Structure formats: structure tokens, C-alpha cells
Amino acid sequence: MMNRDTRLEENQEIFRSANERLSGVVEVGLVTADPVPFLCECADKECMGRVELTLDEYREVRSHERHFVMLHGHRRTAGEELVAERNGYDITQKPG
């Protein structure tokens, strides 16, 4: 049986994977300064929150493998630390 923390981390990876696919699709023909509604990468599998980022902002977050983007105050996993607070969203970092 999967423990709670593992399940929460898997939820975040699912949102991250969806955002990676979205990034690839919108990259074609989109001005990098235009905001894109990325999914909140928090640990709550029921979360339907959107984080408005430009492609450049999203790439900057993703340039750090352990960084995730989520709405302010959304659920984090054990040991996950707040790295930065931006306008409307947080950047967190997984331990390791």
C-alpha cells in the first residue's frame, strides 16, 4: 500500500507532466510574454487551480528539477520548502 506522502508526490508529478505537455503545445506560435494558464502543481489531487505564467517564467521554474509552481498557500508535501513568492503563486523545492 502506498503511503500518504508518496501519493501526494505522485499528484504533483501528474500536474507537472500535464504542464510540460501544455508548455510544448503553446510554445509553437505563442509570444513568450503572453501568460499561459498552467496547472497548480500542489499536492492536492482535487486542485483545479491555474497559475498564470509566461513561457519564460515557466522555463525558469523548470530549470531547477526540484522546483514546483503552485498557488499561494496550497498544499505541499513533507519537507517541501518555499523558495520564492511571486505575484499570485509560490515556487517550492522538493528535498533531496
Protein backbone atom coordinates (compact mmCIF):
# COMPACT_ATOMS: atom_id res chain seq x y z
CA MET A 1 0.00 0.00 0.00
CA MET A 2 1.26 3.46 -0.93
CA ASN A 3 1.89 5.88 1.95
CA ARG A 4 0.28 9.32 2.06
CA ASP A 5 3.44 11.30 1.21
CA THR A 6 4.16 9.12 -1.82
CA ARG A 7 0.60 9.62 -3.05
CA LEU A 8 0.87 13.40 -2.61
CA GLU A 9 4.15 13.48 -4.52
CA GLU A 10 2.61 11.45 -7.33
CA ASN A 11 -0.21 14.01 -7.54
CA GLN A 12 2.35 16.76 -8.03
CA GLU A 13 4.16 14.77 -10.72
CA ILE A 14 0.87 14.30 -12.61
CA PHE A 15 0.27 18.08 -12.64
CA ARG A 16 3.91 18.68 -13.63
CA SER A 17 3.60 16.25 -16.54
CA ALA A 18 0.44 17.97 -17.78
CA ASN A 19 2.18 21.35 -17.60
CA GLU A 20 5.13 20.01 -19.59
CA ARG A 21 2.76 18.87 -22.34
CA LEU A 22 0.93 22.21 -22.25
CA SER A 23 4.21 24.10 -22.49
CA GLY A 24 5.20 22.15 -25.58
CA VAL A 25 1.87 22.78 -27.29
CA VAL A 26 1.62 26.52 -26.61
CA GLU A 27 5.28 27.16 -27.39
CA VAL A 28 4.53 26.97 -31.10
CA GLY A 29 3.24 30.34 -32.26
CA LEU A 30 2.92 31.98 -28.85
CA VAL A 31 4.72 35.15 -27.86
CA THR A 32 6.79 34.30 -24.78
CA ALA A 33 5.42 37.36 -22.95
CA ASP A 34 1.82 36.09 -23.19
CA PRO A 35 0.50 34.49 -19.98
CA VAL A 36 -0.36 30.79 -20.09
CA PRO A 37 -2.75 29.16 -17.56
CA PHE A 38 -0.58 26.37 -16.12
CA LEU A 39 -1.98 23.91 -13.60
CA CYS A 40 -1.18 24.40 -9.93
CA GLU A 41 1.42 21.73 -9.06
CA CYS A 42 0.35 21.39 -5.44
CA ALA A 43 -0.16 18.04 -3.71
CA ASP A 44 -3.98 18.20 -3.69
CA LYS A 45 -5.27 15.86 -6.40
CA GLU A 46 -8.61 17.72 -6.40
CA CYS A 47 -6.98 21.11 -7.08
CA MET A 48 -8.11 22.74 -10.30
CA GLY A 49 -6.16 25.97 -9.70
CA ARG A 50 -4.42 27.79 -12.51
CA VAL A 51 -1.15 29.67 -12.26
CA GLU A 52 -0.71 32.35 -14.93
CA LEU A 53 2.92 32.35 -16.11
CA THR A 54 4.68 33.38 -19.27
CA LEU A 55 6.64 30.62 -21.00
CA ASP A 56 9.86 32.28 -19.86
CA GLU A 57 8.68 32.26 -16.23
CA TYR A 58 7.67 28.61 -16.52
CA ARG A 59 11.01 27.69 -18.09
CA GLU A 60 12.81 29.48 -15.26
CA VAL A 61 10.94 27.40 -12.66
CA ARG A 62 11.55 24.18 -14.61
CA SER A 63 15.26 24.95 -14.97
CA HIS A 64 15.50 23.60 -11.42
CA GLU A 65 14.43 19.96 -11.45
CA ARG A 66 13.10 20.00 -7.88
CA HIS A 67 11.09 23.24 -8.20
CA PHE A 68 7.30 23.25 -8.45
CA VAL A 69 4.85 26.12 -9.03
CA MET A 70 1.62 26.45 -7.06
CA LEU A 71 -0.93 28.98 -5.92
CA HIS A 72 -0.19 30.78 -2.64
CA GLY A 73 -0.92 28.62 0.39
CA HIS A 74 -1.66 25.40 -1.48
CA ARG A 75 -0.75 22.02 -0.07
CA ARG A 76 2.90 20.99 -0.09
CA THR A 77 4.47 17.64 0.66
CA ALA A 78 6.56 16.89 3.75
CA GLY A 79 9.94 18.60 3.56
CA GLU A 80 9.00 20.78 0.59
CA GLU A 81 10.31 24.32 1.13
CA LEU A 82 9.13 27.68 -0.13
CA VAL A 83 11.79 29.08 -2.48
CA ALA A 84 10.05 32.23 -3.72
CA GLU A 85 6.76 34.08 -3.57
CA ARG A 86 5.73 35.72 -6.80
CA ASN A 87 2.66 37.64 -7.89
CA GLY A 88 -0.10 35.09 -7.22
CA TYR A 89 1.99 31.96 -6.89
CA ASP A 90 4.73 30.22 -4.93
CA ILE A 91 7.78 28.31 -6.08
CA THR A 92 8.64 25.35 -3.86
CA GLN A 93 11.52 22.91 -3.77
CA LYS A 94 11.45 19.20 -3.04
CA PRO A 95 14.06 17.85 -0.63
CA GLY A 96 16.96 15.88 -1.97
